[in-house]
C-alpha atoms as a PDB file:
ATOM      1  CA  MET A   1      79.725 -88.371-137.608  1.00  0.00           C
ATOM      2  CA  LEU A   2      76.622 -87.069-139.371  1.00  0.00           C
ATOM      3  CA  LEU A   3      74.676 -84.717-137.493  1.00  0.00           C
ATOM      4  CA  ILE A   4      71.032 -83.777-139.584  1.00  0.00           C
ATOM      5  CA  ALA A   5      69.358 -80.261-138.086  1.00  0.00           C
ATOM      6  CA  ASP A   6      65.492 -79.265-138.985  1.00  0.00           C
ATOM      7  CA  GLN A   7      65.503 -77.059-136.797  1.00  0.00           C
ATOM      8  CA  ILE A   8      68.455 -74.063-134.924  1.00  0.00           C
ATOM      9  CA  SER A   9      67.790 -75.930-131.644  1.00  0.00           C
ATOM     10  CA  LYS A  10      69.264 -79.378-132.762  1.00  0.00           C
ATOM     11  CA  LEU A  11      72.745 -76.887-133.901  1.00  0.00           C
ATOM     12  CA  SER A  12      75.681 -75.417-131.721  1.00  0.00           C
ATOM     13  CA  PHE A  13      75.375 -71.794-133.139  1.00  0.00           C
ATOM     14  CA  SER A  14      79.020 -71.390-131.453  1.00  0.00           C
ATOM     15  CA  GLY A  15      80.419 -74.982-133.471  1.00  0.00           C
ATOM     16  CA  LEU A  16      78.939 -73.465-136.836  1.00  0.00           C
ATOM     17  CA  MET A  17      80.187 -70.203-136.319  1.00  0.00           C
ATOM     18  CA  GLN A  18      84.135 -72.233-136.268  1.00  0.00           C
ATOM     19  CA  VAL A  19      83.197 -73.814-139.331  1.00  0.00           C
ATOM     20  CA  TYR A  20      82.114 -70.467-140.598  1.00  0.00           C
ATOM     21  CA  ALA A  21      84.727 -68.264-139.169  1.00  0.00           C
ATOM     22  CA  GLU A  22      86.910 -67.307-141.992  1.00  0.00           C
ATOM     23  CA  SER A  23      83.536 -66.633-144.732  1.00  0.00           C
ATOM     24  CA  ASN A  24      82.225 -64.246-141.183  1.00  0.00           C
ATOM     25  CA  ALA A  25      85.343 -62.312-140.707  1.00  0.00           C
ATOM     26  CA  LEU A  26      85.589 -61.534-145.055  1.00  0.00           C
ATOM     27  CA  ASN A  27      82.020 -60.869-145.072  1.00  0.00           C
ATOM     28  CA  ALA A  28      81.924 -58.096-142.023  1.00  0.00           C
ATOM     29  CA  GLY A  29      85.280 -57.376-143.562  1.00  0.00           C
ATOM     30  CA  GLU A  30      83.064 -56.639-147.287  1.00  0.00           C
ATOM     31  CA  GLN A  31      80.271 -55.094-145.331  1.00  0.00           C
ATOM     32  CA  GLU A  32      82.200 -52.652-143.023  1.00  0.00           C
ATOM     33  CA  CYS A  33      80.416 -54.400-139.877  1.00  0.00           C
ATOM     34  CA  SER A  34      81.512 -55.971-137.313  1.00  0.00           C
ATOM     35  CA  LEU A  35      82.002 -60.168-136.631  1.00  0.00           C
ATOM     36  CA  LEU A  36      79.289 -60.093-134.212  1.00  0.00           C
ATOM     37  CA  ASP A  37      76.794 -58.434-136.731  1.00  0.00           C
ATOM     38  CA  ILE A  38      76.942 -60.832-139.238  1.00  0.00           C
ATOM     39  CA  GLU A  39      76.729 -63.486-136.810  1.00  0.00           C
ATOM     40  CA  GLN A  40      73.211 -62.481-135.386  1.00  0.00           C
ATOM     41  CA  GLY A  41      72.744 -61.553-138.869  1.00  0.00           C
ATOM     42  CA  PHE A  42      72.939 -65.376-139.942  1.00  0.00           C
ATOM     43  CA  TYR A  43      71.828 -66.374-136.530  1.00  0.00           C
ATOM     44  CA  ASP A  44      68.014 -64.494-137.502  1.00  0.00           C
ATOM     45  CA  TYR A  45      67.952 -65.875-141.127  1.00  0.00           C
ATOM     46  CA  LEU A  46      68.728 -69.191-140.133  1.00  0.00           C
ATOM     47  CA  ARG A  47      65.777 -68.844-137.203  1.00  0.00           C
ATOM     48  CA  SER A  48      63.188 -66.751-139.272  1.00  0.00           C
ATOM     49  CA  SER A  49      63.476 -67.718-142.591  1.00  0.00           C
ATOM     50  CA  PHE A  50      65.963 -71.096-143.389  1.00  0.00           C
ATOM     51  CA  PHE A  51      64.359 -73.482-141.550  1.00  0.00           C
ATOM     52  CA  ALA A  52      60.817 -72.256-141.702  1.00  0.00           C
ATOM     53  CA  GLN A  53      61.255 -73.712-144.836  1.00  0.00           C
ATOM     54  CA  GLU A  54      59.557 -76.719-145.252  1.00  0.00           C
ATOM     55  CA  ASN A  55      62.408 -79.750-145.710  1.00  0.00           C
ATOM     56  CA  SER A  56      64.945 -77.428-145.463  1.00  0.00           C
ATOM     57  CA  PHE A  57      68.171 -78.874-143.459  1.00  0.00           C
ATOM     58  CA  TYR A  58      71.081 -78.083-142.046  1.00  0.00           C
ATOM     59  CA  ALA A  59      74.396 -81.107-142.447  1.00  0.00           C
ATOM     60  CA  VAL A  60      77.435 -81.623-139.941  1.00  0.00           C
ATOM     61  CA  TRP A  61      80.166 -83.000-139.758  1.00  0.00           C
ATOM     62  CA  LEU A  62      81.176 -83.566-136.627  1.00  0.00           C
ATOM     63  CA  GLU A  63      84.818 -85.381-135.695  1.00  0.00           C
ATOM     64  CA  ALA A  64      85.643 -85.572-132.166  1.00  0.00           C
ATOM     65  CA  GLY A  65      82.556 -83.820-131.375  1.00  0.00           C
ATOM     66  CA  GLU A  66      84.138 -81.148-133.162  1.00  0.00           C
ATOM     67  CA  TYR A  67      82.103 -78.973-135.815  1.00  0.00           C
ATOM     68  CA  VAL A  68      85.082 -79.425-138.943  1.00  0.00           C
ATOM     69  CA  SER A  69      82.159 -78.976-141.896  1.00  0.00           C
ATOM     70  CA  ALA A  70      78.684 -78.061-143.032  1.00  0.00           C
ATOM     71  CA  LEU A  71      76.128 -77.339-145.544  1.00  0.00           C
ATOM     72  CA  ARG A  72      72.711 -76.956-145.902  1.00  0.00           C
ATOM     73  CA  MET A  73      70.108 -78.105-147.852  1.00  0.00           C
ATOM     74  CA  GLU A  74      67.797 -76.655-149.541  1.00  0.00           C
ATOM     75  CA  PRO A  75      63.967 -76.990-151.741  1.00  0.00           C
ATOM     76  CA  PHE A  76      64.908 -75.523-155.103  1.00  0.00           C
ATOM     77  CA  LYS A  77      63.374 -76.338-158.050  1.00  0.00           C
ATOM     78  CA  ASP A  78      62.360 -80.305-158.795  1.00  0.00           C
ATOM     79  CA  GLY A  79      64.642 -80.874-155.628  1.00  0.00           C
ATOM     80  CA  PHE A  80      67.126 -79.152-153.564  1.00  0.00           C
ATOM     81  CA  LEU A  81      69.901 -77.066-153.360  1.00  0.00           C
ATOM     82  CA  LEU A  82      73.557 -77.910-152.105  1.00  0.00           C
ATOM     83  CA  CYS A  83      74.840 -74.577-150.399  1.00  0.00           C
ATOM     84  CA  THR A  84      76.949 -72.851-147.778  1.00  0.00           C
ATOM     85  CA  LEU A  85      79.389 -75.758-148.161  1.00  0.00           C
ATOM     86  CA  GLU A  86      81.960 -74.848-145.812  1.00  0.00           C
ATOM     87  CA  THR A  87      85.228 -77.289-143.885  1.00  0.00           C
ATOM     88  CA  ALA A  88      87.338 -75.161-140.998  1.00  0.00           C
ATOM     89  CA  PRO A  89      90.395 -74.310-142.238  1.00  0.00           C
ATOM     90  CA  GLN A  90      92.064 -76.452-139.810  1.00  0.00           C
ATOM     91  CA  HIS A  91      90.794 -79.116-141.128  1.00  0.00           C
ATOM     92  CA  ARG A  92      90.568 -78.470-144.939  1.00  0.00           C
ATOM     93  CA  ARG A  93      92.194 -81.323-147.245  1.00  0.00           C
ATOM     94  CA  LYS A  94      91.562 -84.144-145.085  1.00  0.00           C
ATOM     95  CA  GLY A  95      88.294 -85.541-146.711  1.00  0.00           C
ATOM     96  CA  TYR A  96      86.025 -84.383-144.392  1.00  0.00           C
ATOM     97  CA  ALA A  97      83.707 -82.050-147.400  1.00  0.00           C
ATOM     98  CA  GLU A  98      83.714 -84.907-149.423  1.00  0.00           C
ATOM     99  CA  LYS A  99      82.493 -87.257-146.498  1.00  0.00           C
ATOM    100  CA  LEU A 100      79.597 -84.952-145.607  1.00  0.00           C
ATOM    101  CA  ILE A 101      78.759 -84.954-149.317  1.00  0.00           C
ATOM    102  CA  LYS A 102      78.225 -88.051-149.347  1.00  0.00           C
ATOM    103  CA  ALA A 103      76.613 -88.722-146.263  1.00  0.00           C
ATOM    104  CA  VAL A 104      73.871 -86.210-147.209  1.00  0.00           C
ATOM    105  CA  LEU A 105      73.516 -87.545-150.745  1.00  0.00           C
ATOM    106  CA  ALA A 106      72.858 -91.174-149.246  1.00  0.00           C
ATOM    107  CA  LEU A 107      69.944 -89.789-147.230  1.00  0.00           C
ATOM    108  CA  GLU A 108      66.589 -91.599-147.427  1.00  0.00           C
ATOM    109  CA  LYS A 109      64.749 -87.605-148.316  1.00  0.00           C
ATOM    110  CA  LEU A 110      66.941 -87.253-151.152  1.00  0.00           C
ATOM    111  CA  ALA A 111      66.861 -90.508-152.947  1.00  0.00           C
ATOM    112  CA  GLY A 112      65.798 -89.801-157.070  1.00  0.00           C
ATOM    113  CA  LYS A 113      65.681 -86.056-156.012  1.00  0.00           C
ATOM    114  CA  THR A 114      67.629 -83.600-158.266  1.00  0.00           C
ATOM    115  CA  VAL A 115      70.417 -81.840-156.407  1.00  0.00           C
ATOM    116  CA  TYR A 116      72.096 -78.811-157.462  1.00  0.00           C
ATOM    117  CA  SER A 117      74.707 -77.310-156.014  1.00  0.00           C
ATOM    118  CA  HIS A 118      75.814 -72.902-156.995  1.00  0.00           C
ATOM    119  CA  ILE A 119      80.095 -73.233-156.722  1.00  0.00           C
ATOM    120  CA  HIS A 120      82.219 -69.830-156.970  1.00  0.00           C
ATOM    121  CA  LYS A 121      83.965 -69.768-160.122  1.00  0.00           C
ATOM    122  CA  LYS A 122      87.095 -69.430-158.734  1.00  0.00           C
ATOM    123  CA  ASN A 123      86.950 -71.635-155.814  1.00  0.00           C
ATOM    124  CA  ARG A 124      88.761 -74.949-157.510  1.00  0.00           C
ATOM    125  CA  ALA A 125      88.941 -76.467-154.378  1.00  0.00           C
ATOM    126  CA  SER A 126      84.828 -76.624-154.188  1.00  0.00           C
ATOM    127  CA  GLN A 127      84.179 -77.110-157.484  1.00  0.00           C
ATOM    128  CA  ALA A 128      86.647 -81.033-157.219  1.00  0.00           C
ATOM    129  CA  VAL A 129      84.763 -81.826-153.962  1.00  0.00           C
ATOM    130  CA  HIS A 130      81.854 -81.863-155.946  1.00  0.00           C
ATOM    131  CA  ALA A 131      82.988 -84.113-158.561  1.00  0.00           C
ATOM    132  CA  ALA A 132      84.320 -86.420-156.945  1.00  0.00           C
ATOM    133  CA  CYS A 133      80.837 -86.520-155.189  1.00  0.00           C
ATOM    134  CA  GLY A 134      79.687 -87.042-158.875  1.00  0.00           C
ATOM    135  CA  PHE A 135      78.494 -83.454-159.714  1.00  0.00           C
ATOM    136  CA  VAL A 136      78.709 -81.774-163.382  1.00  0.00           C
ATOM    137  CA  LYS A 137      78.576 -78.156-164.009  1.00  0.00           C
ATOM    138  CA  ILE A 138      75.626 -77.345-166.582  1.00  0.00           C
ATOM    139  CA  MET A 139      75.032 -73.721-166.658  1.00  0.00           C
ATOM    140  CA  ASP A 140      77.769 -70.689-166.206  1.00  0.00           C
ATOM    141  CA  ARG A 141      76.212 -68.622-163.904  1.00  0.00           C
ATOM    142  CA  ALA A 142      73.522 -69.297-160.673  1.00  0.00           C
ATOM    143  CA  LEU A 143      69.952 -68.753-160.992  1.00  0.00           C
ATOM    144  CA  TYR A 144      67.982 -68.389-158.283  1.00  0.00           C
ATOM    145  CA  LEU A 145      64.267 -68.940-157.319  1.00  0.00           C
ATOM    146  CA  ASP A 146      63.243 -65.664-157.466  1.00  0.00           C
ATOM    147  CA  GLY A 147      65.175 -65.390-161.203  1.00  0.00           C
ATOM    148  CA  SER A 148      68.189 -63.109-160.088  1.00  0.00           C
ATOM    149  CA  ALA A 149      71.488 -64.536-161.798  1.00  0.00           C
ATOM    150  CA  ASN A 150      75.353 -64.895-160.367  1.00  0.00           C
ATOM    151  CA  SER A 151      77.313 -64.946-162.742  1.00  0.00           C
ATOM    152  CA  TYR A 152      80.674 -65.167-160.405  1.00  0.00           C
ATOM    153  CA  CYS A 153      79.581 -68.538-159.661  1.00  0.00           C
ATOM    154  CA  ASP A 154      78.063 -71.799-161.631  1.00  0.00           C
ATOM    155  CA  THR A 155      75.454 -73.865-161.871  1.00  0.00           C
ATOM    156  CA  TRP A 156      75.879 -78.021-160.687  1.00  0.00           C
ATOM    157  CA  LYS A 157      73.886 -80.816-160.658  1.00  0.00           C
ATOM    158  CA  LEU A 158      74.383 -84.681-159.213  1.00  0.00           C
ATOM    159  CA  GLU A 159      74.192 -86.661-161.658  1.00  0.00           C
ATOM    160  CA  ARG A 160      73.379 -89.542-160.393  1.00  0.00           C
ATOM    161  CA  GLU A 161      73.995 -93.335-161.967  1.00  0.00           C
END
């Protein structure tokens, strides 16, 4: 089941952190800080920055009331940017990320809009899911609204029929 949240109060933050537990642990190790610091920083970002952007929303796929996959959608260039797609490790390879993306792309607010995604070059699973949902690689780097670039990621774009 799809859950759409346009404000932080509509999310279970602890449920969301279960989806992102693996990435949060990696980030804590890389940044040499505690998991609590990573989670608090993410909460603060969502509250003060992400949800403050008009038209930004979180999408979560739930199974039996449990958060299993999540992504963020935010305004980007001439449309939206799909970002931070992740599925909890125990729920991977079950099709939840594809269900989530397809459900989000079917939302009326995205009708006719260009949708982009930045995908890490080594993340073959995410590349395969995006391709199955109609995305194609259009650039060998990720470009951000502030003009910066990331050479570790590629830019993908939804090709609508």
